[in-house]
């Protein structure tokens, strides 16, 4: 007879991040900002993740953090804090 500890289930262990993700604001050039703003204006209902996915089809040098910064500067509600608030 097995002890009453739900032994058939796997234990849940937290995965620790090995390095902190950082964003260099100097990497956000005017051309990158214009590309992000163009997609933002073309697809007005998209959030940062959808805009980033659309940009990844053509450009590989724009990160999701860059898109979030531009959203925040443009005054859109899906800014940098949206990932922490769970929106």
N, C-alpha and C. Protein backbone atom coordinates (compact mmCIF):
# COMPACT_ATOMS: atom_id res chain seq x y z
N UNK A 1 0.82 -1.17 0.00
CA UNK A 1 0.00 0.00 0.00
C UNK A 1 0.88 1.25 0.00
N UNK A 2 0.59 2.19 -0.90
CA UNK A 2 1.39 3.40 -1.04
C UNK A 2 0.97 4.44 0.00
N UNK A 3 1.93 5.21 0.47
CA UNK A 3 1.56 6.27 1.43
C UNK A 3 0.68 7.32 0.75
N UNK A 4 -0.02 8.08 1.54
CA UNK A 4 -0.96 9.07 1.02
C UNK A 4 -0.22 10.36 0.63
N UNK A 5 0.59 10.30 -0.42
CA UNK A 5 1.30 11.49 -0.87
C UNK A 5 1.17 11.70 -2.38
N UNK A 6 0.17 11.13 -2.96
CA UNK A 6 -0.07 11.22 -4.40
C UNK A 6 1.18 10.80 -5.16
N UNK A 7 1.67 9.63 -4.86
CA UNK A 7 2.95 9.18 -5.39
C UNK A 7 2.93 8.96 -6.90
N UNK A 8 1.76 8.94 -7.51
CA UNK A 8 1.70 8.78 -8.95
C UNK A 8 1.95 10.07 -9.72
N UNK A 9 2.00 11.19 -9.02
CA UNK A 9 2.21 12.48 -9.68
C UNK A 9 3.68 12.88 -9.64
N UNK A 10 4.08 13.65 -10.64
CA UNK A 10 5.44 14.16 -10.65
C UNK A 10 5.56 15.34 -9.70
N UNK A 11 6.68 15.46 -9.04
CA UNK A 11 6.85 16.64 -8.17
C UNK A 11 7.06 17.89 -9.02
N UNK A 12 6.47 18.98 -8.59
CA UNK A 12 6.64 20.25 -9.30
C UNK A 12 7.83 20.98 -8.70
N UNK A 13 8.79 21.26 -9.53
CA UNK A 13 9.97 22.00 -9.08
C UNK A 13 10.09 23.27 -9.90
N UNK A 14 10.39 24.36 -9.25
CA UNK A 14 10.52 25.62 -9.94
C UNK A 14 11.80 25.64 -10.76
N UNK A 15 11.72 26.24 -11.93
CA UNK A 15 12.88 26.37 -12.79
C UNK A 15 13.48 27.75 -12.53
N UNK A 16 14.72 27.76 -12.16
CA UNK A 16 15.38 29.04 -11.88
C UNK A 16 16.07 29.56 -13.11
N UNK A 17 15.95 30.85 -13.32
CA UNK A 17 16.60 31.49 -14.45
C UNK A 17 18.09 31.63 -14.16
N UNK A 18 18.91 31.32 -15.14
CA UNK A 18 20.35 31.35 -14.90
C UNK A 18 20.94 32.74 -15.10
N UNK A 19 20.31 33.56 -15.93
CA UNK A 19 20.82 34.91 -16.13
C UNK A 19 19.64 35.86 -16.23
N UNK A 20 19.88 37.09 -15.83
CA UNK A 20 18.83 38.08 -15.89
C UNK A 20 18.80 38.68 -17.29
N UNK A 21 17.62 38.78 -17.85
CA UNK A 21 17.47 39.34 -19.19
C UNK A 21 17.57 40.85 -19.07
N UNK A 22 18.44 41.44 -19.86
CA UNK A 22 18.60 42.89 -19.82
C UNK A 22 18.35 43.46 -21.20
N UNK A 23 18.00 44.71 -21.24
CA UNK A 23 17.70 45.39 -22.49
C UNK A 23 18.56 46.63 -22.58
N UNK A 24 19.28 46.77 -23.67
CA UNK A 24 20.13 47.93 -23.91
C UNK A 24 19.32 48.94 -24.72
N UNK A 25 19.00 50.07 -24.13
CA UNK A 25 18.15 51.07 -24.80
C UNK A 25 18.85 51.69 -26.00
N UNK A 26 20.17 51.65 -26.04
CA UNK A 26 20.88 52.23 -27.18
C UNK A 26 20.72 51.38 -28.44
N UNK A 27 20.27 50.13 -28.28
CA UNK A 27 20.08 49.26 -29.44
C UNK A 27 18.80 49.60 -30.20
N UNK A 28 17.94 50.41 -29.60
CA UNK A 28 16.68 50.80 -30.23
C UNK A 28 16.93 52.02 -31.12
N UNK A 29 17.20 51.78 -32.38
CA UNK A 29 17.50 52.86 -33.31
C UNK A 29 16.22 53.44 -33.89
N UNK A 30 16.37 54.53 -34.63
CA UNK A 30 15.21 55.18 -35.25
C UNK A 30 14.55 54.26 -36.28
N UNK A 31 15.34 53.52 -37.03
CA UNK A 31 14.78 52.61 -38.04
C UNK A 31 13.95 51.51 -37.38
N UNK A 32 14.42 51.00 -36.26
CA UNK A 32 13.67 49.96 -35.55
C UNK A 32 12.38 50.53 -34.99
N UNK A 33 12.44 51.74 -34.45
CA UNK A 33 11.23 52.38 -33.94
C UNK A 33 10.21 52.59 -35.05
N UNK A 34 10.66 53.03 -36.21
CA UNK A 34 9.75 53.26 -37.32
C UNK A 34 9.12 51.95 -37.79
N UNK A 35 9.89 50.87 -37.80
CA UNK A 35 9.34 49.58 -38.21
C UNK A 35 8.27 49.11 -37.22
N UNK A 36 8.53 49.30 -35.93
CA UNK A 36 7.56 48.90 -34.92
C UNK A 36 6.31 49.75 -35.03
N UNK A 37 6.47 51.07 -35.19
CA UNK A 37 5.33 51.97 -35.30
C UNK A 37 4.50 51.68 -36.55
N UNK A 38 5.17 51.29 -37.64
CA UNK A 38 4.45 50.97 -38.86
C UNK A 38 3.53 49.77 -38.65
N UNK A 39 4.05 48.73 -38.00
CA UNK A 39 3.23 47.54 -37.74
C UNK A 39 2.14 47.86 -36.72
N UNK A 40 2.46 48.69 -35.71
CA UNK A 40 1.46 49.07 -34.72
C UNK A 40 0.29 49.81 -35.37
N UNK A 41 0.59 50.69 -36.31
CA UNK A 41 -0.46 51.46 -36.97
C UNK A 41 -1.23 50.61 -37.98
N UNK A 42 -0.56 49.65 -38.57
CA UNK A 42 -1.21 48.79 -39.56
C UNK A 42 -2.18 47.81 -38.87
N UNK A 43 -1.76 47.27 -37.75
CA UNK A 43 -2.59 46.33 -36.99
C UNK A 43 -2.88 46.95 -35.62
N UNK A 44 -3.89 47.78 -35.55
CA UNK A 44 -4.15 48.54 -34.33
C UNK A 44 -4.63 47.68 -33.18
N UNK A 45 -5.20 46.53 -33.46
CA UNK A 45 -5.71 45.68 -32.38
C UNK A 45 -4.65 44.74 -31.81
N UNK A 46 -3.48 44.71 -32.40
CA UNK A 46 -2.42 43.83 -31.93
C UNK A 46 -1.79 44.37 -30.65
N UNK A 47 -1.39 43.45 -29.78
CA UNK A 47 -0.61 43.78 -28.60
C UNK A 47 0.86 43.62 -28.92
N UNK A 48 1.73 43.79 -27.92
CA UNK A 48 3.17 43.70 -28.17
C UNK A 48 3.62 42.34 -28.70
N UNK A 49 3.02 41.26 -28.22
CA UNK A 49 3.44 39.93 -28.67
C UNK A 49 3.08 39.70 -30.13
N UNK A 50 1.91 40.15 -30.54
CA UNK A 50 1.50 39.97 -31.93
C UNK A 50 2.32 40.85 -32.86
N UNK A 51 2.62 42.09 -32.42
CA UNK A 51 3.45 42.98 -33.24
C UNK A 51 4.85 42.38 -33.38
N UNK A 52 5.38 41.84 -32.29
CA UNK A 52 6.70 41.23 -32.36
C UNK A 52 6.70 40.02 -33.29
N UNK A 53 5.64 39.22 -33.24
CA UNK A 53 5.56 38.05 -34.12
C UNK A 53 5.49 38.49 -35.58
N UNK A 54 4.77 39.56 -35.86
CA UNK A 54 4.69 40.07 -37.23
C UNK A 54 6.04 40.60 -37.70
N UNK A 55 6.76 41.26 -36.80
CA UNK A 55 8.08 41.78 -37.16
C UNK A 55 9.10 40.67 -37.35
N UNK A 56 8.96 39.59 -36.63
CA UNK A 56 9.93 38.49 -36.74
C UNK A 56 9.89 37.82 -38.11
N UNK A 57 8.81 38.01 -38.83
CA UNK A 57 8.74 37.44 -40.18
C UNK A 57 9.69 38.14 -41.14
N UNK A 58 10.00 39.41 -40.86
CA UNK A 58 10.87 40.16 -41.76
C UNK A 58 12.18 40.59 -41.13
N UNK A 59 12.18 40.83 -39.81
CA UNK A 59 13.39 41.31 -39.14
C UNK A 59 13.70 40.40 -37.96
N UNK A 60 14.99 40.20 -37.72
CA UNK A 60 15.39 39.35 -36.60
C UNK A 60 16.05 40.15 -35.48
N UNK A 61 16.25 41.44 -35.68
CA UNK A 61 17.00 42.24 -34.72
C UNK A 61 16.12 43.05 -33.78
N UNK A 62 14.82 42.82 -33.77
CA UNK A 62 13.91 43.54 -32.89
C UNK A 62 13.39 42.57 -31.83
N UNK A 63 13.64 42.92 -30.57
CA UNK A 63 13.23 42.04 -29.48
C UNK A 63 11.85 42.45 -28.95
N UNK A 64 11.27 41.59 -28.15
CA UNK A 64 9.97 41.86 -27.56
C UNK A 64 10.04 43.03 -26.59
N UNK A 65 11.16 43.18 -25.89
CA UNK A 65 11.32 44.31 -24.99
C UNK A 65 11.36 45.63 -25.74
N UNK A 66 11.96 45.63 -26.92
CA UNK A 66 11.96 46.84 -27.74
C UNK A 66 10.53 47.22 -28.14
N UNK A 67 9.74 46.23 -28.50
CA UNK A 67 8.36 46.50 -28.89
C UNK A 67 7.59 47.04 -27.70
N UNK A 68 7.82 46.49 -26.52
CA UNK A 68 7.12 46.97 -25.32
C UNK A 68 7.50 48.40 -24.98
N UNK A 69 8.78 48.75 -25.16
CA UNK A 69 9.22 50.12 -24.90
C UNK A 69 8.53 51.09 -25.85
N UNK A 70 8.44 50.74 -27.13
CA UNK A 70 7.80 51.62 -28.11
C UNK A 70 6.30 51.73 -27.81
N UNK A 71 5.66 50.64 -27.39
CA UNK A 71 4.26 50.69 -27.00
C UNK A 71 4.08 51.67 -25.84
N UNK A 72 4.97 51.61 -24.87
CA UNK A 72 4.88 52.48 -23.71
C UNK A 72 5.08 53.94 -24.12
N UNK A 73 6.05 54.21 -24.98
CA UNK A 73 6.31 55.58 -25.42
C UNK A 73 5.16 56.12 -26.26
N UNK A 74 4.49 55.25 -26.98
CA UNK A 74 3.37 55.68 -27.82
C UNK A 74 2.10 55.89 -27.01
N UNK A 75 2.11 55.52 -25.74
CA UNK A 75 0.95 55.72 -24.89
C UNK A 75 -0.09 54.62 -24.99
N UNK A 76 0.27 53.51 -25.59
CA UNK A 76 -0.66 52.38 -25.65
C UNK A 76 -0.69 51.69 -24.30
N UNK A 77 -1.84 51.14 -23.93
CA UNK A 77 -1.99 50.53 -22.61
C UNK A 77 -1.19 49.24 -22.47
N UNK A 78 -0.83 48.60 -23.58
CA UNK A 78 -0.06 47.36 -23.51
C UNK A 78 1.42 47.68 -23.48
N UNK A 79 1.85 48.40 -22.48
CA UNK A 79 3.23 48.83 -22.39
C UNK A 79 4.10 47.83 -21.67
N UNK A 80 5.16 48.32 -21.10
CA UNK A 80 6.15 47.47 -20.46
C UNK A 80 5.60 46.77 -19.22
N UNK A 81 4.64 47.39 -18.53
CA UNK A 81 4.12 46.80 -17.30
C UNK A 81 3.09 45.71 -17.56
N UNK A 82 2.62 45.56 -18.78
CA UNK A 82 1.54 44.60 -19.04
C UNK A 82 1.98 43.16 -18.77
N UNK A 83 3.25 42.86 -18.96
CA UNK A 83 3.67 41.48 -18.71
C UNK A 83 3.72 41.19 -17.23
N UNK A 84 3.91 42.21 -16.38
CA UNK A 84 3.92 41.99 -14.94
C UNK A 84 2.52 41.97 -14.36
N UNK A 85 1.60 42.67 -15.01
CA UNK A 85 0.23 42.72 -14.52
C UNK A 85 -0.62 41.58 -15.06
N UNK A 86 -0.09 40.85 -16.06
CA UNK A 86 -0.80 39.71 -16.60
C UNK A 86 -1.89 40.06 -17.58
N UNK A 87 -1.76 41.19 -18.27
CA UNK A 87 -2.78 41.58 -19.26
C UNK A 87 -2.43 41.10 -20.62
